[in-house]
């Protein structure tokens, strides 16, 4: 099974809305709050060249690699992000 990781920031309205929708759809995900995990977040920013939230990483089953989806680059709305995530669950 693929692993869904959502990078968030406390107080981020877009992050709250995405997490709420994922819960409603019963999509299992892990959350990484960026101020509590700066090292990991810095790696994501370095890899993608973007510092936007919520950023979503899909860990492909059986490995440590997978795509990273960034708002403004890969999706422009919560609904677009949810459609991307649904393709991997």
N, C-alpha and C. Protein backbone atom coordinates (compact mmCIF):
# COMPACT_ATOMS: atom_id res chain seq x y z
N UNK A 1 0.84 -1.19 0.00
CA UNK A 1 0.00 0.00 0.00
C UNK A 1 0.88 1.25 0.00
N UNK A 2 0.50 2.22 -0.80
CA UNK A 2 1.24 3.47 -0.85
C UNK A 2 1.01 4.27 0.43
N UNK A 3 2.00 5.05 0.81
CA UNK A 3 1.91 5.88 2.01
C UNK A 3 1.71 7.33 1.59
N UNK A 4 0.69 7.96 2.15
CA UNK A 4 0.40 9.36 1.88
C UNK A 4 0.93 10.18 3.05
N UNK A 5 1.77 11.17 2.74
CA UNK A 5 2.29 12.08 3.77
C UNK A 5 1.93 13.49 3.37
N UNK A 6 1.30 14.21 4.29
CA UNK A 6 0.91 15.58 4.05
C UNK A 6 1.75 16.48 4.95
N UNK A 7 2.50 17.38 4.33
CA UNK A 7 3.29 18.36 5.07
C UNK A 7 2.39 19.55 5.37
N UNK A 8 2.33 19.94 6.64
CA UNK A 8 1.41 20.99 7.07
C UNK A 8 2.11 22.00 7.97
N UNK A 9 1.38 23.07 8.25
CA UNK A 9 1.81 24.08 9.20
C UNK A 9 0.62 24.39 10.08
N UNK A 10 0.82 24.40 11.38
CA UNK A 10 -0.27 24.75 12.30
C UNK A 10 -0.83 26.12 11.92
N UNK A 11 -2.14 26.20 11.84
CA UNK A 11 -2.79 27.46 11.49
C UNK A 11 -2.99 27.68 10.00
N UNK A 12 -2.53 26.76 9.17
CA UNK A 12 -2.68 26.86 7.71
C UNK A 12 -4.08 26.39 7.33
N UNK A 13 -4.91 27.30 6.84
CA UNK A 13 -6.27 26.97 6.48
C UNK A 13 -6.37 25.93 5.38
N UNK A 14 -5.50 26.02 4.37
CA UNK A 14 -5.51 25.04 3.28
C UNK A 14 -5.15 23.65 3.80
N UNK A 15 -4.23 23.60 4.75
CA UNK A 15 -3.83 22.32 5.34
C UNK A 15 -5.00 21.71 6.10
N UNK A 16 -5.69 22.52 6.89
CA UNK A 16 -6.83 22.04 7.67
C UNK A 16 -7.91 21.49 6.75
N UNK A 17 -8.20 22.20 5.67
CA UNK A 17 -9.24 21.75 4.73
C UNK A 17 -8.88 20.44 4.05
N UNK A 18 -7.62 20.30 3.64
CA UNK A 18 -7.20 19.06 2.99
C UNK A 18 -7.29 17.90 3.97
N UNK A 19 -6.80 18.08 5.19
CA UNK A 19 -6.85 17.00 6.18
C UNK A 19 -8.30 16.61 6.49
N UNK A 20 -9.18 17.59 6.60
CA UNK A 20 -10.59 17.32 6.87
C UNK A 20 -11.18 16.47 5.74
N UNK A 21 -10.90 16.84 4.51
CA UNK A 21 -11.42 16.08 3.37
C UNK A 21 -10.86 14.67 3.33
N UNK A 22 -9.59 14.51 3.63
CA UNK A 22 -8.99 13.17 3.65
C UNK A 22 -9.66 12.30 4.71
N UNK A 23 -9.92 12.88 5.88
CA UNK A 23 -10.62 12.14 6.93
C UNK A 23 -12.02 11.75 6.46
N UNK A 24 -12.73 12.68 5.85
CA UNK A 24 -14.09 12.41 5.37
C UNK A 24 -14.10 11.29 4.33
N UNK A 25 -13.07 11.25 3.48
CA UNK A 25 -12.97 10.22 2.45
C UNK A 25 -12.36 8.93 2.98
N UNK A 26 -12.00 8.92 4.26
CA UNK A 26 -11.38 7.76 4.92
C UNK A 26 -10.08 7.35 4.23
N UNK A 27 -9.33 8.35 3.79
CA UNK A 27 -8.01 8.11 3.21
C UNK A 27 -6.99 8.23 4.33
N UNK A 28 -6.26 7.18 4.56
CA UNK A 28 -5.26 7.15 5.63
C UNK A 28 -4.02 7.93 5.17
N UNK A 29 -3.54 8.82 6.05
CA UNK A 29 -2.36 9.61 5.73
C UNK A 29 -1.60 9.90 7.01
N UNK A 30 -0.36 10.25 6.85
CA UNK A 30 0.47 10.73 7.96
C UNK A 30 0.69 12.21 7.76
N UNK A 31 0.75 12.93 8.84
CA UNK A 31 0.98 14.37 8.80
C UNK A 31 2.36 14.68 9.36
N UNK A 32 3.06 15.55 8.67
CA UNK A 32 4.34 16.05 9.18
C UNK A 32 4.22 17.57 9.28
N UNK A 33 4.20 18.06 10.51
CA UNK A 33 4.10 19.49 10.77
C UNK A 33 5.51 20.07 10.60
N UNK A 34 5.66 21.06 9.73
CA UNK A 34 7.00 21.47 9.29
C UNK A 34 7.82 22.17 10.37
N UNK A 35 7.19 22.88 11.30
CA UNK A 35 8.00 23.55 12.32
C UNK A 35 8.56 22.56 13.33
N UNK A 36 7.93 21.38 13.41
CA UNK A 36 8.41 20.32 14.31
C UNK A 36 9.36 19.36 13.60
N UNK A 37 9.48 19.51 12.28
CA UNK A 37 10.30 18.60 11.47
C UNK A 37 11.04 19.39 10.39
N UNK A 38 11.79 20.40 10.83
CA UNK A 38 12.43 21.32 9.89
C UNK A 38 13.43 20.63 8.96
N UNK A 39 14.14 19.64 9.47
CA UNK A 39 15.13 18.95 8.64
C UNK A 39 14.50 18.26 7.45
N UNK A 40 13.41 17.54 7.70
CA UNK A 40 12.70 16.84 6.62
C UNK A 40 12.12 17.87 5.65
N UNK A 41 11.50 18.92 6.19
CA UNK A 41 10.90 19.94 5.34
C UNK A 41 11.95 20.62 4.47
N UNK A 42 13.10 20.91 5.03
CA UNK A 42 14.17 21.54 4.24
C UNK A 42 14.59 20.65 3.08
N UNK A 43 14.60 19.33 3.28
CA UNK A 43 14.92 18.40 2.19
C UNK A 43 13.85 18.46 1.10
N UNK A 44 12.58 18.55 1.50
CA UNK A 44 11.49 18.64 0.52
C UNK A 44 11.63 19.92 -0.29
N UNK A 45 11.89 21.04 0.38
CA UNK A 45 12.03 22.32 -0.30
C UNK A 45 13.22 22.28 -1.26
N UNK A 46 14.32 21.68 -0.82
CA UNK A 46 15.50 21.56 -1.68
C UNK A 46 15.19 20.71 -2.91
N UNK A 47 14.46 19.62 -2.71
CA UNK A 47 14.14 18.71 -3.81
C UNK A 47 13.18 19.35 -4.81
N UNK A 48 12.17 20.06 -4.30
CA UNK A 48 11.13 20.59 -5.18
C UNK A 48 11.39 22.01 -5.64
N UNK A 49 12.16 22.77 -4.87
CA UNK A 49 12.36 24.17 -5.17
C UNK A 49 11.17 25.03 -4.76
N UNK A 50 10.25 24.46 -3.98
CA UNK A 50 9.04 25.17 -3.55
C UNK A 50 8.86 25.07 -2.04
N UNK A 51 8.30 26.13 -1.48
CA UNK A 51 8.04 26.21 -0.04
C UNK A 51 6.56 26.50 0.17
N UNK A 52 5.71 25.65 -0.39
CA UNK A 52 4.26 25.85 -0.34
C UNK A 52 3.58 24.70 0.38
N UNK A 53 2.46 25.02 1.02
CA UNK A 53 1.73 24.02 1.79
C UNK A 53 0.25 24.04 1.41
N UNK A 54 -0.41 22.91 1.56
CA UNK A 54 0.09 21.60 1.95
C UNK A 54 0.77 20.89 0.79
N UNK A 55 1.95 20.38 1.04
CA UNK A 55 2.68 19.57 0.07
C UNK A 55 2.41 18.11 0.40
N UNK A 56 2.26 17.30 -0.64
CA UNK A 56 1.91 15.89 -0.45
C UNK A 56 2.98 15.00 -1.07
N UNK A 57 3.44 14.04 -0.29
CA UNK A 57 4.40 13.03 -0.76
C UNK A 57 3.67 11.69 -0.79
N UNK A 58 3.87 10.96 -1.89
CA UNK A 58 3.30 9.63 -2.01
C UNK A 58 4.45 8.63 -1.99
N UNK A 59 4.57 7.89 -0.90
CA UNK A 59 5.59 6.84 -0.81
C UNK A 59 5.06 5.60 -1.50
N UNK A 60 5.69 5.26 -2.61
CA UNK A 60 5.23 4.12 -3.40
C UNK A 60 5.55 2.82 -2.66
N UNK A 61 4.58 1.94 -2.60
CA UNK A 61 4.69 0.68 -1.88
C UNK A 61 5.94 -0.08 -2.29
N UNK A 62 6.67 -0.55 -1.30
CA UNK A 62 7.86 -1.35 -1.57
C UNK A 62 9.13 -0.54 -1.75
N UNK A 63 9.08 0.76 -1.54
CA UNK A 63 10.29 1.57 -1.70
C UNK A 63 10.20 2.86 -0.90
N UNK A 64 11.29 3.61 -0.95
CA UNK A 64 11.35 4.88 -0.22
C UNK A 64 11.18 6.08 -1.14
N UNK A 65 10.87 5.84 -2.39
CA UNK A 65 10.74 6.94 -3.34
C UNK A 65 9.31 7.10 -3.80
N UNK A 66 9.01 8.27 -4.31
CA UNK A 66 7.68 8.54 -4.83
C UNK A 66 7.56 10.01 -5.19
N UNK A 67 6.45 10.35 -5.81
CA UNK A 67 6.26 11.73 -6.25
C UNK A 67 5.91 12.68 -5.11
N UNK A 68 6.26 13.93 -5.31
CA UNK A 68 5.92 15.00 -4.38
C UNK A 68 5.04 15.99 -5.16
N UNK A 69 3.90 16.32 -4.58
CA UNK A 69 2.96 17.22 -5.24
C UNK A 69 2.87 18.53 -4.46
N UNK A 70 3.13 19.64 -5.16
CA UNK A 70 3.25 20.95 -4.55
C UNK A 70 2.12 21.86 -5.05
N UNK A 71 1.46 22.58 -4.12
CA UNK A 71 0.42 23.51 -4.56
C UNK A 71 1.01 24.61 -5.44
N UNK A 72 0.25 24.99 -6.46
CA UNK A 72 0.71 26.02 -7.38
C UNK A 72 1.55 25.47 -8.52
N UNK A 73 2.13 24.31 -8.32
CA UNK A 73 2.91 23.65 -9.36
C UNK A 73 2.15 22.44 -9.91
N UNK A 74 1.65 21.60 -9.00
CA UNK A 74 1.00 20.35 -9.40
C UNK A 74 -0.51 20.37 -9.22
N UNK A 75 -1.01 21.23 -8.39
CA UNK A 75 -2.45 21.37 -8.19
C UNK A 75 -2.75 22.79 -7.73
N UNK A 76 -3.97 23.24 -8.04
CA UNK A 76 -4.36 24.61 -7.71
C UNK A 76 -5.54 24.70 -6.76
N UNK A 77 -6.03 23.56 -6.32
CA UNK A 77 -7.15 23.56 -5.38
C UNK A 77 -7.12 22.28 -4.56
N UNK A 78 -7.87 22.29 -3.47
CA UNK A 78 -7.99 21.10 -2.63
C UNK A 78 -8.55 19.96 -3.45
N UNK A 79 -9.55 20.24 -4.27
CA UNK A 79 -10.18 19.17 -5.06
C UNK A 79 -9.20 18.55 -6.05
N UNK A 80 -8.37 19.36 -6.68
CA UNK A 80 -7.34 18.83 -7.59
C UNK A 80 -6.36 17.96 -6.82
N UNK A 81 -5.97 18.39 -5.62
CA UNK A 81 -5.06 17.60 -4.79
C UNK A 81 -5.69 16.27 -4.41
N UNK A 82 -6.95 16.29 -4.03
CA UNK A 82 -7.64 15.05 -3.67
C UNK A 82 -7.70 14.09 -4.84
N UNK A 83 -7.92 14.59 -6.04
CA UNK A 83 -7.96 13.71 -7.22
C UNK A 83 -6.60 13.06 -7.45
N UNK A 84 -5.53 13.79 -7.24
CA UNK A 84 -4.19 13.23 -7.37
C UNK A 84 -4.00 12.12 -6.34
N UNK A 85 -4.34 12.40 -5.09
CA UNK A 85 -4.15 11.43 -4.01
C UNK A 85 -4.96 10.17 -4.28
N UNK A 86 -6.19 10.32 -4.74
CA UNK A 86 -7.06 9.17 -5.00
C UNK A 86 -6.45 8.21 -6.01
N UNK A 87 -5.64 8.71 -6.92
CA UNK A 87 -5.01 7.86 -7.93
C UNK A 87 -3.99 6.92 -7.30
N UNK A 88 -3.52 7.24 -6.10
CA UNK A 88 -2.47 6.46 -5.47
C UNK A 88 -2.95 5.59 -4.31
N UNK A 89 -4.24 5.70 -3.93
CA UNK A 89 -4.74 4.88 -2.83
C UNK A 89 -5.50 3.68 -3.33
